Amino acid sequence: MSQQNPSSSPVSNGGVKQPLRPAFSKQAIAGFVVACISMAIFGFIAVAAVFLCVRALGEIRAGVVRGRGLAIAGIAVGVVSFAFYVANMFMQN
Protein backbone atom coordinates (compact mmCIF):
# COMPACT_ATOMS: atom_id res chain seq x y z
CA MET A 1 0.00 0.00 0.00
CA SER A 2 1.21 3.42 -0.83
CA GLN A 3 0.43 6.40 1.32
CA GLN A 4 -0.10 9.81 -0.22
CA ASN A 5 1.00 13.02 1.32
CA PRO A 6 -2.21 14.93 2.10
CA SER A 7 -0.70 18.26 1.08
CA SER A 8 0.07 17.09 -2.47
CA SER A 9 -3.43 15.82 -3.19
CA PRO A 10 -5.82 18.03 -5.25
CA VAL A 11 -8.63 17.19 -2.80
CA SER A 12 -9.89 19.84 -0.39
CA ASN A 13 -11.14 19.27 3.15
CA GLY A 14 -14.66 18.38 2.07
CA GLY A 15 -13.50 15.67 -0.30
CA VAL A 16 -14.33 17.81 -3.35
CA LYS A 17 -11.66 17.83 -6.00
CA GLN A 18 -10.37 21.28 -6.86
CA PRO A 19 -9.24 21.92 -10.43
CA LEU A 20 -5.53 22.55 -10.80
CA ARG A 21 -4.69 26.20 -11.44
CA PRO A 22 -2.83 27.07 -14.61
CA ALA A 23 0.80 28.11 -14.32
CA PHE A 24 1.96 31.71 -14.31
CA SER A 25 2.81 33.24 -17.67
CA LYS A 26 6.56 33.15 -18.22
CA GLN A 27 6.25 36.20 -20.45
CA ALA A 28 4.53 38.14 -17.67
CA ILE A 29 7.25 37.17 -15.21
CA ALA A 30 10.02 38.06 -17.66
CA GLY A 31 8.34 41.34 -18.57
CA PHE A 32 7.95 42.35 -14.93
CA VAL A 33 11.58 41.47 -14.16
CA VAL A 34 12.84 43.39 -17.19
CA ALA A 35 10.66 46.38 -16.21
CA CYS A 36 12.12 46.38 -12.70
CA ILE A 37 15.65 46.15 -14.08
CA SER A 38 14.91 49.01 -16.47
CA MET A 39 13.95 51.20 -13.49
CA ALA A 40 17.38 50.73 -11.96
CA ILE A 41 19.77 50.31 -14.86
CA PHE A 42 18.70 50.70 -18.49
CA GLY A 43 15.57 52.76 -19.09
CA PHE A 44 15.37 52.03 -22.80
CA ILE A 45 14.74 48.29 -22.28
CA ALA A 46 11.39 49.18 -20.74
CA VAL A 47 9.96 49.01 -24.26
CA ALA A 48 10.84 45.30 -24.35
CA ALA A 49 9.21 44.83 -20.94
CA VAL A 50 5.97 46.45 -22.11
CA PHE A 51 6.02 44.32 -25.27
CA LEU A 52 6.46 41.11 -23.24
CA CYS A 53 3.68 42.03 -20.84
CA VAL A 54 1.24 42.93 -23.62
CA ARG A 55 1.92 39.56 -25.27
CA ALA A 56 1.43 37.87 -21.90
CA LEU A 57 -1.97 39.54 -21.54
CA GLY A 58 -2.98 37.89 -24.80
CA GLU A 59 -2.06 34.47 -23.40
CA ILE A 60 -3.86 35.23 -20.17
CA ARG A 61 -7.05 36.30 -21.95
CA ALA A 62 -7.00 33.00 -23.84
CA GLY A 63 -7.11 31.22 -20.48
CA VAL A 64 -3.95 29.23 -21.03
CA VAL A 65 -2.01 30.79 -18.14
CA ARG A 66 -2.57 33.19 -15.26
CA GLY A 67 -0.76 36.30 -14.04
CA ARG A 68 -2.90 39.21 -15.23
CA GLY A 69 -1.92 41.42 -12.29
CA LEU A 70 1.75 40.72 -12.85
CA ALA A 71 1.47 41.63 -16.52
CA ILE A 72 -0.39 44.85 -15.74
CA ALA A 73 2.21 45.76 -13.11
CA GLY A 74 4.97 45.08 -15.64
CA ILE A 75 3.30 47.39 -18.15
CA ALA A 76 2.89 50.13 -15.52
CA VAL A 77 6.47 49.89 -14.28
CA GLY A 78 7.77 49.73 -17.85
CA VAL A 79 5.84 52.81 -18.96
CA VAL A 80 6.96 54.80 -15.91
CA SER A 81 10.56 53.68 -16.38
CA PHE A 82 10.55 54.67 -20.03
CA ALA A 83 8.94 58.03 -19.20
CA PHE A 84 11.71 58.75 -16.68
CA TYR A 85 14.31 57.68 -19.24
CA VAL A 86 12.90 60.03 -21.89
CA ALA A 87 12.56 62.91 -19.39
CA ASN A 88 16.17 62.35 -18.32
CA MET A 89 17.33 62.45 -21.93
CA PHE A 90 15.66 65.86 -22.44
CA MET A 91 16.96 67.28 -19.17
CA GLN A 92 20.57 66.48 -20.02
CA ASN A 93 20.44 68.66 -23.14
C-alpha atoms as a PDB file:
ATOM      1  CA  MET A   1       0.000   0.000   0.000  1.00  0.00           C
ATOM      2  CA  SER A   2       1.210   3.423  -0.832  1.00  0.00           C
ATOM      3  CA  GLN A   3       0.428   6.397   1.324  1.00  0.00           C
ATOM      4  CA  GLN A   4      -0.102   9.807  -0.219  1.00  0.00           C
ATOM      5  CA  ASN A   5       1.001  13.019   1.319  1.00  0.00           C
ATOM      6  CA  PRO A   6      -2.214  14.926   2.100  1.00  0.00           C
ATOM      7  CA  SER A   7      -0.698  18.265   1.075  1.00  0.00           C
ATOM      8  CA  SER A   8       0.066  17.095  -2.473  1.00  0.00           C
ATOM      9  CA  SER A   9      -3.434  15.818  -3.189  1.00  0.00           C
ATOM     10  CA  PRO A  10      -5.819  18.027  -5.249  1.00  0.00           C
ATOM     11  CA  VAL A  11      -8.634  17.192  -2.805  1.00  0.00           C
ATOM     12  CA  SER A  12      -9.888  19.842  -0.389  1.00  0.00           C
ATOM     13  CA  ASN A  13     -11.140  19.265   3.154  1.00  0.00           C
ATOM     14  CA  GLY A  14     -14.661  18.378   2.070  1.00  0.00           C
ATOM     15  CA  GLY A  15     -13.499  15.672  -0.302  1.00  0.00           C
ATOM     16  CA  VAL A  16     -14.329  17.809  -3.348  1.00  0.00           C
ATOM     17  CA  LYS A  17     -11.659  17.831  -5.997  1.00  0.00           C
ATOM     18  CA  GLN A  18     -10.368  21.281  -6.863  1.00  0.00           C
ATOM     19  CA  PRO A  19      -9.236  21.921 -10.430  1.00  0.00           C
ATOM     20  CA  LEU A  20      -5.534  22.553 -10.804  1.00  0.00           C
ATOM     21  CA  ARG A  21      -4.689  26.195 -11.436  1.00  0.00           C
ATOM     22  CA  PRO A  22      -2.832  27.072 -14.614  1.00  0.00           C
ATOM     23  CA  ALA A  23       0.800  28.106 -14.325  1.00  0.00           C
ATOM     24  CA  PHE A  24       1.957  31.712 -14.313  1.00  0.00           C
ATOM     25  CA  SER A  25       2.811  33.238 -17.668  1.00  0.00           C
ATOM     26  CA  LYS A  26       6.557  33.147 -18.223  1.00  0.00           C
ATOM     27  CA  GLN A  27       6.253  36.199 -20.448  1.00  0.00           C
ATOM     28  CA  ALA A  28       4.532  38.143 -17.672  1.00  0.00           C
ATOM     29  CA  ILE A  29       7.247  37.171 -15.211  1.00  0.00           C
ATOM     30  CA  ALA A  30      10.017  38.058 -17.660  1.00  0.00           C
ATOM     31  CA  GLY A  31       8.338  41.340 -18.573  1.00  0.00           C
ATOM     32  CA  PHE A  32       7.949  42.347 -14.929  1.00  0.00           C
ATOM     33  CA  VAL A  33      11.579  41.469 -14.157  1.00  0.00           C
ATOM     34  CA  VAL A  34      12.838  43.392 -17.187  1.00  0.00           C
ATOM     35  CA  ALA A  35      10.658  46.375 -16.210  1.00  0.00           C
ATOM     36  CA  CYS A  36      12.117  46.378 -12.702  1.00  0.00           C
ATOM     37  CA  ILE A  37      15.648  46.149 -14.079  1.00  0.00           C
ATOM     38  CA  SER A  38      14.914  49.005 -16.471  1.00  0.00           C
ATOM     39  CA  MET A  39      13.954  51.197 -13.490  1.00  0.00           C
ATOM     40  CA  ALA A  40      17.385  50.732 -11.956  1.00  0.00           C
ATOM     41  CA  ILE A  41      19.774  50.313 -14.865  1.00  0.00           C
ATOM     42  CA  PHE A  42      18.705  50.700 -18.488  1.00  0.00           C
ATOM     43  CA  GLY A  43      15.572  52.755 -19.087  1.00  0.00           C
ATOM     44  CA  PHE A  44      15.369  52.027 -22.797  1.00  0.00           C
ATOM     45  CA  ILE A  45      14.740  48.293 -22.285  1.00  0.00           C
ATOM     46  CA  ALA A  46      11.388  49.182 -20.738  1.00  0.00           C
ATOM     47  CA  VAL A  47       9.963  49.006 -24.256  1.00  0.00           C
ATOM     48  CA  ALA A  48      10.835  45.299 -24.353  1.00  0.00           C
ATOM     49  CA  ALA A  49       9.206  44.829 -20.942  1.00  0.00           C
ATOM     50  CA  VAL A  50       5.966  46.446 -22.109  1.00  0.00           C
ATOM     51  CA  PHE A  51       6.022  44.321 -25.275  1.00  0.00           C
ATOM     52  CA  LEU A  52       6.465  41.112 -23.244  1.00  0.00           C
ATOM     53  CA  CYS A  53       3.684  42.031 -20.837  1.00  0.00           C
ATOM     54  CA  VAL A  54       1.242  42.925 -23.619  1.00  0.00           C
ATOM     55  CA  ARG A  55       1.922  39.563 -25.266  1.00  0.00           C
ATOM     56  CA  ALA A  56       1.426  37.870 -21.896  1.00  0.00           C
ATOM     57  CA  LEU A  57      -1.974  39.540 -21.542  1.00  0.00           C
ATOM     58  CA  GLY A  58      -2.980  37.887 -24.804  1.00  0.00           C
ATOM     59  CA  GLU A  59      -2.058  34.470 -23.401  1.00  0.00           C
ATOM     60  CA  ILE A  60      -3.855  35.235 -20.167  1.00  0.00           C
ATOM     61  CA  ARG A  61      -7.051  36.298 -21.948  1.00  0.00           C
ATOM     62  CA  ALA A  62      -6.996  33.001 -23.839  1.00  0.00           C
ATOM     63  CA  GLY A  63      -7.110  31.223 -20.477  1.00  0.00           C
ATOM     64  CA  VAL A  64      -3.947  29.234 -21.027  1.00  0.00           C
ATOM     65  CA  VAL A  65      -2.007  30.790 -18.141  1.00  0.00           C
ATOM     66  CA  ARG A  66      -2.570  33.191 -15.257  1.00  0.00           C
ATOM     67  CA  GLY A  67      -0.765  36.305 -14.042  1.00  0.00           C
ATOM     68  CA  ARG A  68      -2.904  39.211 -15.228  1.00  0.00           C
ATOM     69  CA  GLY A  69      -1.923  41.423 -12.295  1.00  0.00           C
ATOM     70  CA  LEU A  70       1.752  40.721 -12.849  1.00  0.00           C
ATOM     71  CA  ALA A  71       1.469  41.626 -16.520  1.00  0.00           C
ATOM     72  CA  ILE A  72      -0.390  44.850 -15.738  1.00  0.00           C
ATOM     73  CA  ALA A  73       2.208  45.755 -13.111  1.00  0.00           C
ATOM     74  CA  GLY A  74       4.973  45.079 -15.641  1.00  0.00           C
ATOM     75  CA  ILE A  75       3.302  47.392 -18.147  1.00  0.00           C
ATOM     76  CA  ALA A  76       2.886  50.129 -15.525  1.00  0.00           C
ATOM     77  CA  VAL A  77       6.470  49.887 -14.278  1.00  0.00           C
ATOM     78  CA  GLY A  78       7.772  49.729 -17.849  1.00  0.00           C
ATOM     79  CA  VAL A  79       5.837  52.814 -18.958  1.00  0.00           C
ATOM     80  CA  VAL A  80       6.956  54.801 -15.911  1.00  0.00           C
ATOM     81  CA  SER A  81      10.557  53.683 -16.375  1.00  0.00           C
ATOM     82  CA  PHE A  82      10.545  54.671 -20.031  1.00  0.00           C
ATOM     83  CA  ALA A  83       8.938  58.026 -19.199  1.00  0.00           C
ATOM     84  CA  PHE A  84      11.707  58.751 -16.679  1.00  0.00           C
ATOM     85  CA  TYR A  85      14.306  57.677 -19.241  1.00  0.00           C
ATOM     86  CA  VAL A  86      12.905  60.034 -21.891  1.00  0.00           C
ATOM     87  CA  ALA A  87      12.563  62.905 -19.388  1.00  0.00           C
ATOM     88  CA  ASN A  88      16.168  62.355 -18.321  1.00  0.00           C
ATOM     89  CA  MET A  89      17.326  62.451 -21.931  1.00  0.00           C
ATOM     90  CA  PHE A  90      15.655  65.859 -22.442  1.00  0.00           C
ATOM     91  CA  MET A  91      16.960  67.285 -19.168  1.00  0.00           C
ATOM     92  CA  GLN A  92      20.566  66.476 -20.022  1.00  0.00           C
ATOM     93  CA  ASN A  93      20.437  68.663 -23.136  1.00  0.00           C
END
